[in-house]
Amino acid sequence: MNRYVFLVLILGLVYLACEKDEPREDPLVTRGRELFNDTRLSRSNDQSCATCHPGGHMDHRRWHFPAIHGTTDGVPDSFRTLTLWGISETGPPYLWDVSRRDLHAVTRLYVDTIMGGTASDEDIEALVAYQNSLTFPVNPWRNADGSLTPAQQRGKIVYETNGLCSPCHPAPTGTTTKPKNIGTGFLVKTPGLRSLFSSGPYFHDGRFKTLREVVDFYVADPSGMLHASGFVINLSEQEKNDLIEYLRTF
């Protein structure tokens, strides 16, 4: 065997080894990604799932969807977009409307009702597979090794103690499957806190632009909901600042 042939064989073996070690994406996920970004799923051919969920995340807007949320007295007529990142970890309910607990049904609902398009059962299956493949990005608020800064460590203590955050937003995702009434008179999904740093505006109706506004709302308890439930949050300015630093690390 001459040197040239030997080199070709070695390179071929290296290539095969790399191909073997490199994970291959599930074809169903690949198909789902294509459909997720395909405007042909909409009646007007000018919007896709990615229109409201670019990159599987959120567009930071509120939308009025009476066909989904209804127009019940006392319930707002618009809700902010939820992120799809890590949806397989956070689980149901999948909309602010806590009755929606099946991702296939929710995906079908949006394609048929909101986008006004048509999709086969196979298309829906692929879209669900893609959504379940979405993961959370690396959090830029953490140290390079994933550890917390001193302020974030102090904030973690506040979160778990007198901040009274963890009962409704337990780690690691910061959510539960149980809906909550946050003083609005109706139940809404308990949103996850992962990637909170990029998920504003906050609350179901996007009423708060900053995390400081959220923290101040709970400390002030304007609805009296927390006091009525036996929860009273008293935080110093330093504790508020540390808590916000920690919230950004989810």
C-alpha atoms as a PDB file:
ATOM      1  CA  MET A   1       0.000   0.000   0.000  1.00  0.00           C
ATOM      2  CA  ASN A   2       1.508   3.296  -1.042  1.00  0.00           C
ATOM      3  CA  ARG A   3       1.625   6.332   1.215  1.00  0.00           C
ATOM      4  CA  TYR A   4      -1.172   8.167  -0.621  1.00  0.00           C
ATOM      5  CA  VAL A   5      -3.683   5.321  -0.314  1.00  0.00           C
ATOM      6  CA  PHE A   6      -2.775   4.868   3.349  1.00  0.00           C
ATOM      7  CA  LEU A   7      -3.397   8.573   4.026  1.00  0.00           C
ATOM      8  CA  VAL A   8      -6.784   8.453   2.302  1.00  0.00           C
ATOM      9  CA  LEU A   9      -7.809   5.467   4.427  1.00  0.00           C
ATOM     10  CA  ILE A  10      -6.750   7.197   7.632  1.00  0.00           C
ATOM     11  CA  LEU A  11      -8.650  10.371   6.735  1.00  0.00           C
ATOM     12  CA  GLY A  12     -11.690   8.289   5.886  1.00  0.00           C
ATOM     13  CA  LEU A  13     -11.603   6.553   9.248  1.00  0.00           C
ATOM     14  CA  VAL A  14     -11.258   9.894  11.039  1.00  0.00           C
ATOM     15  CA  TYR A  15     -14.247  11.244   9.102  1.00  0.00           C
ATOM     16  CA  LEU A  16     -16.373   8.225   9.976  1.00  0.00           C
ATOM     17  CA  ALA A  17     -15.410   8.533  13.639  1.00  0.00           C
ATOM     18  CA  CYS A  18     -16.432  12.190  13.675  1.00  0.00           C
ATOM     19  CA  GLU A  19     -19.695  11.382  11.921  1.00  0.00           C
ATOM     20  CA  LYS A  20     -20.373   8.679  14.476  1.00  0.00           C
ATOM     21  CA  ASP A  21     -19.717  10.950  17.453  1.00  0.00           C
ATOM     22  CA  GLU A  22     -21.659  13.920  16.091  1.00  0.00           C
ATOM     23  CA  PRO A  23     -25.281  13.721  17.285  1.00  0.00           C
ATOM     24  CA  ARG A  24     -27.808  13.715  14.494  1.00  0.00           C
ATOM     25  CA  GLU A  25     -31.010  15.705  14.887  1.00  0.00           C
ATOM     26  CA  ASP A  26     -34.251  13.793  14.878  1.00  0.00           C
ATOM     27  CA  PRO A  27     -35.781  14.214  11.384  1.00  0.00           C
ATOM     28  CA  LEU A  28     -39.105  15.000  13.049  1.00  0.00           C
ATOM     29  CA  VAL A  29     -37.506  17.955  14.863  1.00  0.00           C
ATOM     30  CA  THR A  30     -35.920  19.152  11.612  1.00  0.00           C
ATOM     31  CA  ARG A  31     -39.291  18.994   9.899  1.00  0.00           C
ATOM     32  CA  GLY A  32     -40.896  20.797  12.819  1.00  0.00           C
ATOM     33  CA  ARG A  33     -38.349  23.610  12.618  1.00  0.00           C
ATOM     34  CA  GLU A  34     -39.117  24.073   8.935  1.00  0.00           C
ATOM     35  CA  LEU A  35     -42.861  24.233   9.609  1.00  0.00           C
ATOM     36  CA  PHE A  36     -42.371  26.549  12.587  1.00  0.00           C
ATOM     37  CA  ASN A  37     -40.763  29.105  10.277  1.00  0.00           C
ATOM     38  CA  ASP A  38     -43.032  28.455   7.286  1.00  0.00           C
ATOM     39  CA  THR A  39     -45.563  31.188   6.459  1.00  0.00           C
ATOM     40  CA  ARG A  40     -47.602  28.742   4.406  1.00  0.00           C
ATOM     41  CA  LEU A  41     -49.242  27.538   7.620  1.00  0.00           C
ATOM     42  CA  SER A  42     -51.124  30.841   7.804  1.00  0.00           C
ATOM     43  CA  ARG A  43     -54.151  31.787   5.734  1.00  0.00           C
ATOM     44  CA  SER A  44     -52.515  35.017   4.599  1.00  0.00           C
ATOM     45  CA  ASN A  45     -49.128  33.411   3.923  1.00  0.00           C
ATOM     46  CA  ASP A  46     -47.412  36.242   5.790  1.00  0.00           C
ATOM     47  CA  GLN A  47     -46.887  34.850   9.286  1.00  0.00           C
ATOM     48  CA  SER A  48     -45.500  31.749  10.899  1.00  0.00           C
ATOM     49  CA  CYS A  49     -45.168  30.395  14.424  1.00  0.00           C
ATOM     50  CA  ALA A  50     -41.822  32.199  14.529  1.00  0.00           C
ATOM     51  CA  THR A  51     -43.573  35.541  13.982  1.00  0.00           C
ATOM     52  CA  CYS A  52     -44.591  35.604  17.655  1.00  0.00           C
ATOM     53  CA  HIS A  53     -41.902  33.172  18.821  1.00  0.00           C
ATOM     54  CA  PRO A  54     -38.678  34.126  17.015  1.00  0.00           C
ATOM     55  CA  GLY A  55     -36.098  31.459  17.697  1.00  0.00           C
ATOM     56  CA  GLY A  56     -38.716  29.722  19.813  1.00  0.00           C
ATOM     57  CA  HIS A  57     -38.611  32.547  22.362  1.00  0.00           C
ATOM     58  CA  MET A  58     -41.083  35.464  22.480  1.00  0.00           C
ATOM     59  CA  ASP A  59     -41.789  38.777  20.764  1.00  0.00           C
ATOM     60  CA  HIS A  60     -42.274  40.757  24.039  1.00  0.00           C
ATOM     61  CA  ARG A  61     -45.762  41.826  22.938  1.00  0.00           C
ATOM     62  CA  ARG A  62     -49.353  41.363  24.060  1.00  0.00           C
ATOM     63  CA  TRP A  63     -51.963  39.819  21.803  1.00  0.00           C
ATOM     64  CA  HIS A  64     -55.744  39.786  21.800  1.00  0.00           C
ATOM     65  CA  PHE A  65     -56.989  36.248  21.149  1.00  0.00           C
ATOM     66  CA  PRO A  66     -60.670  36.020  22.147  1.00  0.00           C
ATOM     67  CA  ALA A  67     -61.026  32.675  20.389  1.00  0.00           C
ATOM     68  CA  ILE A  68     -58.511  31.230  22.839  1.00  0.00           C
ATOM     69  CA  HIS A  69     -58.936  33.172  26.068  1.00  0.00           C
ATOM     70  CA  GLY A  70     -62.574  34.161  25.719  1.00  0.00           C
ATOM     71  CA  THR A  71     -64.064  37.422  26.945  1.00  0.00           C
ATOM     72  CA  THR A  72     -65.069  36.479  30.479  1.00  0.00           C
ATOM     73  CA  ASP A  73     -65.813  39.435  32.722  1.00  0.00           C
ATOM     74  CA  GLY A  74     -62.754  40.387  34.758  1.00  0.00           C
ATOM     75  CA  VAL A  75     -60.311  38.552  32.504  1.00  0.00           C
ATOM     76  CA  PRO A  76     -58.040  40.774  30.403  1.00  0.00           C
ATOM     77  CA  ASP A  77     -58.543  40.667  26.645  1.00  0.00           C
ATOM     78  CA  SER A  78     -54.843  40.440  25.846  1.00  0.00           C
ATOM     79  CA  PHE A  79     -51.930  38.410  27.157  1.00  0.00           C
ATOM     80  CA  ARG A  80     -48.209  38.656  26.609  1.00  0.00           C
ATOM     81  CA  THR A  81     -46.426  36.021  24.583  1.00  0.00           C
ATOM     82  CA  LEU A  82     -44.911  33.155  26.539  1.00  0.00           C
ATOM     83  CA  THR A  83     -41.499  31.780  25.659  1.00  0.00           C
ATOM     84  CA  LEU A  84     -41.256  28.256  24.268  1.00  0.00           C
ATOM     85  CA  TRP A  85     -37.698  27.775  25.506  1.00  0.00           C
ATOM     86  CA  GLY A  86     -37.524  24.763  27.799  1.00  0.00           C
ATOM     87  CA  ILE A  87     -41.199  23.971  27.342  1.00  0.00           C
ATOM     88  CA  SER A  88     -40.546  20.265  27.862  1.00  0.00           C
ATOM     89  CA  GLU A  89     -39.107  21.094  31.307  1.00  0.00           C
ATOM     90  CA  THR A  90     -41.699  23.597  32.470  1.00  0.00           C
ATOM     91  CA  GLY A  91     -44.651  21.556  31.223  1.00  0.00           C
ATOM     92  CA  PRO A  92     -48.367  22.418  31.288  1.00  0.00           C
ATOM     93  CA  PRO A  93     -50.429  24.492  31.357  1.00  0.00           C
ATOM     94  CA  TYR A  94     -49.132  25.895  28.085  1.00  0.00           C
ATOM     95  CA  LEU A  95     -51.125  29.141  27.954  1.00  0.00           C
ATOM     96  CA  TRP A  96     -52.054  31.780  30.506  1.00  0.00           C
ATOM     97  CA  ASP A  97     -55.471  30.162  30.212  1.00  0.00           C
ATOM     98  CA  VAL A  98     -54.758  27.292  32.588  1.00  0.00           C
ATOM     99  CA  SER A  99     -57.193  24.895  30.939  1.00  0.00           C
ATOM    100  CA  ARG A 100     -54.800  24.225  28.052  1.00  0.00           C
ATOM    101  CA  ARG A 101     -52.690  21.260  29.135  1.00  0.00           C
ATOM    102  CA  ASP A 102     -52.038  19.370  25.909  1.00  0.00           C
ATOM    103  CA  LEU A 103     -49.307  20.733  23.645  1.00  0.00           C
ATOM    104  CA  HIS A 104     -50.684  18.987  20.566  1.00  0.00           C
ATOM    105  CA  ALA A 105     -54.096  20.569  21.130  1.00  0.00           C
ATOM    106  CA  VAL A 106     -52.593  24.011  21.782  1.00  0.00           C
ATOM    107  CA  THR A 107     -50.480  23.808  18.624  1.00  0.00           C
ATOM    108  CA  ARG A 108     -53.508  22.727  16.599  1.00  0.00           C
ATOM    109  CA  LEU A 109     -55.553  25.544  18.126  1.00  0.00           C
ATOM    110  CA  TYR A 110     -53.059  28.195  17.079  1.00  0.00           C
ATOM    111  CA  VAL A 111     -52.590  26.880  13.553  1.00  0.00           C
ATOM    112  CA  ASP A 112     -56.313  26.473  12.923  1.00  0.00           C
ATOM    113  CA  THR A 113     -57.683  29.474  14.822  1.00  0.00           C
ATOM    114  CA  ILE A 114     -55.018  32.159  15.067  1.00  0.00           C
ATOM    115  CA  MET A 115     -53.076  31.527  11.867  1.00  0.00           C
ATOM    116  CA  GLY A 116     -56.135  30.349   9.999  1.00  0.00           C
ATOM    117  CA  GLY A 117     -54.160  27.724   8.154  1.00  0.00           C
ATOM    118  CA  THR A 118     -54.276  23.989   7.805  1.00  0.00           C
ATOM    119  CA  ALA A 119     -51.914  21.333   9.084  1.00  0.00           C
ATOM    120  CA  SER A 120     -51.992  17.568   9.003  1.00  0.00           C
ATOM    121  CA  ASP A 121     -51.661  15.480  12.144  1.00  0.00           C
ATOM    122  CA  GLU A 122     -48.123  14.703  11.017  1.00  0.00           C
ATOM    123  CA  ASP A 123     -47.371  18.428  10.768  1.00  0.00           C
ATOM    124  CA  ILE A 124     -48.652  19.000  14.303  1.00  0.00           C
ATOM    125  CA  GLU A 125     -46.555  16.101  15.571  1.00  0.00           C
ATOM    126  CA  ALA A 126     -43.463  17.639  13.991  1.00  0.00           C
ATOM    127  CA  LEU A 127     -44.224  21.094  15.413  1.00  0.00           C
ATOM    128  CA  VAL A 128     -44.605  19.614  18.887  1.00  0.00           C
ATOM    129  CA  ALA A 129     -41.335  17.704  18.520  1.00  0.00           C
ATOM    130  CA  TYR A 130     -39.549  20.922  17.584  1.00  0.00           C
ATOM    131  CA  GLN A 131     -41.050  22.839  20.502  1.00  0.00           C
ATOM    132  CA  ASN A 132     -40.012  20.093  22.913  1.00  0.00           C
ATOM    133  CA  SER A 133     -36.464  20.267  21.546  1.00  0.00           C
ATOM    134  CA  LEU A 134     -36.061  23.933  22.483  1.00  0.00           C
ATOM    135  CA  THR A 135     -33.664  24.471  25.372  1.00  0.00           C
ATOM    136  CA  PHE A 136     -32.681  27.408  27.533  1.00  0.00           C
ATOM    137  CA  PRO A 137     -29.634  29.408  26.388  1.00  0.00           C
ATOM    138  CA  VAL A 138     -26.570  30.000  28.537  1.00  0.00           C
ATOM    139  CA  ASN A 139     -27.388  32.667  31.104  1.00  0.00           C
ATOM    140  CA  PRO A 140     -25.129  35.724  30.603  1.00  0.00           C
ATOM    141  CA  TRP A 141     -25.810  36.969  34.150  1.00  0.00           C
ATOM    142  CA  ARG A 142     -23.948  34.066  35.726  1.00  0.00           C
ATOM    143  CA  ASN A 143     -20.195  33.729  36.066  1.00  0.00           C
ATOM    144  CA  ALA A 144     -18.458  31.833  33.268  1.00  0.00           C
ATOM    145  CA  ASP A 145     -18.396  28.677  35.409  1.00  0.00           C
ATOM    146  CA  GLY A 146     -22.112  29.021  36.215  1.00  0.00           C
ATOM    147  CA  SER A 147     -21.533  30.170  39.783  1.00  0.00           C
ATOM    148  CA  LEU A 148     -23.175  33.172  41.423  1.00  0.00           C
ATOM    149  CA  THR A 149     -21.695  36.520  42.366  1.00  0.00           C
ATOM    150  CA  PRO A 150     -21.814  37.584  46.053  1.00  0.00           C
ATOM    151  CA  ALA A 151     -24.869  39.789  45.357  1.00  0.00           C
ATOM    152  CA  GLN A 152     -26.627  36.913  43.581  1.00  0.00           C
ATOM    153  CA  GLN A 153     -25.841  34.570  46.454  1.00  0.00           C
ATOM    154  CA  ARG A 154     -27.391  37.037  48.875  1.00  0.00           C
ATOM    155  CA  GLY A 155     -30.382  37.338  46.540  1.00  0.00           C
ATOM    156  CA  LYS A 156     -30.785  33.564  46.544  1.00  0.00           C
ATOM    157  CA  ILE A 157     -31.129  33.637  50.317  1.00  0.00           C
ATOM    158  CA  VAL A 158     -33.779  36.371  50.047  1.00  0.00           C
ATOM    159  CA  TYR A 159     -35.573  34.340  47.374  1.00  0.00           C
ATOM    160  CA  GLU A 160     -35.713  31.277  49.618  1.00  0.00           C
ATOM    161  CA  THR A 161     -36.557  33.083  52.869  1.00  0.00           C
ATOM    162  CA  ASN A 162     -38.233  36.432  53.527  1.00  0.00           C
ATOM    163  CA  GLY A 163     -38.755  37.139  49.810  1.00  0.00           C
ATOM    164  CA  LEU A 164     -41.334  34.316  49.837  1.00  0.00           C
ATOM    165  CA  CYS A 165     -40.638  33.536  46.175  1.00  0.00           C
ATOM    166  CA  SER A 166     -39.853  29.824  46.269  1.00  0.00           C
ATOM    167  CA  PRO A 167     -43.290  28.531  47.393  1.00  0.00           C
ATOM    168  CA  CYS A 168     -44.798  29.568  44.039  1.00  0.00           C
ATOM    169  CA  HIS A 169     -41.596  29.567  41.974  1.00  0.00           C
ATOM    170  CA  PRO A 170     -39.494  26.621  43.145  1.00  0.00           C
ATOM    171  CA  ALA A 171     -36.124  25.908  41.536  1.00  0.00           C
ATOM    172  CA  PRO A 172     -34.882  24.860  39.061  1.00  0.00           C
ATOM    173  CA  THR A 173     -37.470  26.159  36.560  1.00  0.00           C
ATOM    174  CA  GLY A 174     -39.211  28.586  38.895  1.00  0.00           C
ATOM    175  CA  THR A 175     -42.683  27.279  38.124  1.00  0.00           C
ATOM    176  CA  THR A 176     -45.257  24.687  39.089  1.00  0.00           C
ATOM    177  CA  THR A 177     -48.199  23.194  37.251  1.00  0.00           C
ATOM    178  CA  LYS A 178     -50.564  24.886  39.698  1.00  0.00           C
ATOM    179  CA  PRO A 179     -52.211  28.135  38.550  1.00  0.00           C
ATOM    180  CA  LYS A 180     -52.274  31.154  40.842  1.00  0.00           C
ATOM    181  CA  ASN A 181     -54.483  34.122  41.574  1.00  0.00           C
ATOM    182  CA  ILE A 182     -52.111  37.061  41.963  1.00  0.00           C
ATOM    183  CA  GLY A 183     -54.790  39.483  43.058  1.00  0.00           C
ATOM    184  CA  THR A 184     -56.516  39.750  39.701  1.00  0.00           C
ATOM    185  CA  GLY A 185     -59.589  37.718  40.632  1.00  0.00           C
ATOM    186  CA  PHE A 186     -58.867  34.803  38.298  1.00  0.00           C
ATOM    187  CA  LEU A 187     -56.306  32.026  37.926  1.00  0.00           C
ATOM    188  CA  VAL A 188     -53.358  32.284  35.555  1.00  0.00           C
ATOM    189  CA  LYS A 189     -50.424  30.070  34.715  1.00  0.00           C
ATOM    190  CA  THR A 190     -47.484  30.329  37.103  1.00  0.00           C
ATOM    191  CA  PRO A 191     -44.781  31.405  34.653  1.00  0.00           C
ATOM    192  CA  GLY A 192     -41.343  29.832  34.769  1.00  0.00           C
ATOM    193  CA  LEU A 193     -38.415  32.033  35.728  1.00  0.00           C
ATOM    194  CA  ARG A 194     -35.773  30.493  33.472  1.00  0.00           C
ATOM    195  CA  SER A 195     -34.351  33.113  31.082  1.00  0.00           C
ATOM    196  CA  LEU A 196     -36.219  35.759  33.060  1.00  0.00           C
ATOM    197  CA  PHE A 197     -33.492  38.218  32.064  1.00  0.00           C
ATOM    198  CA  SER A 198     -34.849  38.248  28.488  1.00  0.00           C
ATOM    199  CA  SER A 199     -38.559  37.635  29.057  1.00  0.00           C
ATOM    200  CA  GLY A 200     -39.978  41.070  29.819  1.00  0.00           C
ATOM    201  CA  PRO A 201     -42.455  42.644  30.034  1.00  0.00           C
ATOM    202  CA  TYR A 202     -43.653  40.741  33.072  1.00  0.00           C
ATOM    203  CA  PHE A 203     -46.955  39.346  34.340  1.00  0.00           C
ATOM    204  CA  HIS A 204     -49.657  37.799  32.185  1.00  0.00           C
ATOM    205  CA  ASP A 205     -50.671  41.198  30.828  1.00  0.00           C
ATOM    206  CA  GLY A 206     -47.172  42.637  30.523  1.00  0.00           C
ATOM    207  CA  ARG A 207     -47.980  45.401  32.984  1.00  0.00           C
ATOM    208  CA  PHE A 208     -44.428  45.649  34.338  1.00  0.00           C
ATOM    209  CA  LYS A 209     -41.408  46.538  32.229  1.00  0.00           C
ATOM    210  CA  THR A 210     -38.746  45.807  34.836  1.00  0.00           C
ATOM    211  CA  LEU A 211     -38.055  43.246  37.531  1.00  0.00           C
ATOM    212  CA  ARG A 212     -37.846  46.080  40.041  1.00  0.00           C
ATOM    213  CA  GLU A 213     -41.482  46.914  39.332  1.00  0.00           C
ATOM    214  CA  VAL A 214     -42.402  43.266  39.908  1.00  0.00           C
ATOM    215  CA  VAL A 215     -40.580  43.105  43.233  1.00  0.00           C
ATOM    216  CA  ASP A 216     -42.065  46.416  44.387  1.00  0.00           C
ATOM    217  CA  PHE A 217     -45.558  45.143  43.493  1.00  0.00           C
ATOM    218  CA  TYR A 218     -45.238  42.100  45.732  1.00  0.00           C
ATOM    219  CA  VAL A 219     -43.676  44.048  48.578  1.00  0.00           C
ATOM    220  CA  ALA A 220     -46.419  46.686  48.422  1.00  0.00           C
ATOM    221  CA  ASP A 221     -49.158  44.013  47.983  1.00  0.00           C
ATOM    222  CA  PRO A 222     -51.733  46.539  46.660  1.00  0.00           C
ATOM    223  CA  SER A 223     -54.430  43.876  46.312  1.00  0.00           C
ATOM    224  CA  GLY A 224     -53.962  42.635  49.879  1.00  0.00           C
ATOM    225  CA  MET A 225     -53.789  39.111  48.486  1.00  0.00           C
ATOM    226  CA  LEU A 226     -50.537  38.187  50.222  1.00  0.00           C
ATOM    227  CA  HIS A 227     -51.607  39.587  53.562  1.00  0.00           C
ATOM    228  CA  ALA A 228     -54.905  37.733  53.300  1.00  0.00           C
ATOM    229  CA  SER A 229     -52.973  34.513  52.607  1.00  0.00           C
ATOM    230  CA  GLY A 230     -50.680  35.028  55.561  1.00  0.00           C
ATOM    231  CA  PHE A 231     -47.726  36.213  53.495  1.00  0.00           C
ATOM    232  CA  VAL A 232     -46.114  39.531  54.332  1.00  0.00           C
ATOM    233  CA  ILE A 233     -43.003  40.559  52.398  1.00  0.00           C
ATOM    234  CA  ASN A 234     -40.721  43.103  54.025  1.00  0.00           C
ATOM    235  CA  LEU A 235     -37.499  43.781  52.123  1.00  0.00           C
ATOM    236  CA  SER A 236     -34.856  46.452  52.454  1.00  0.00           C
ATOM    237  CA  GLU A 237     -33.549  48.251  49.387  1.00  0.00           C
ATOM    238  CA  GLN A 238     -30.415  46.112  49.507  1.00  0.00           C
ATOM    239  CA  GLU A 239     -32.461  42.920  49.673  1.00  0.00           C
ATOM    240  CA  LYS A 240     -34.553  44.052  46.714  1.00  0.00           C
ATOM    241  CA  ASN A 241     -31.444  44.758  44.642  1.00  0.00           C
ATOM    242  CA  ASP A 242     -29.856  41.422  45.585  1.00  0.00           C
ATOM    243  CA  LEU A 243     -33.088  39.555  44.837  1.00  0.00           C
ATOM    244  CA  ILE A 244     -33.265  41.094  41.366  1.00  0.00           C
ATOM    245  CA  GLU A 245     -29.654  40.116  40.717  1.00  0.00           C
ATOM    246  CA  TYR A 246     -30.542  36.521  41.600  1.00  0.00           C
ATOM    247  CA  LEU A 247     -33.749  36.481  39.544  1.00  0.00           C
ATOM    248  CA  ARG A 248     -31.702  37.319  36.464  1.00  0.00           C
ATOM    249  CA  THR A 249     -29.634  34.163  36.937  1.00  0.00           C
ATOM    250  CA  PHE A 250     -32.507  31.719  36.386  1.00  0.00           C
END
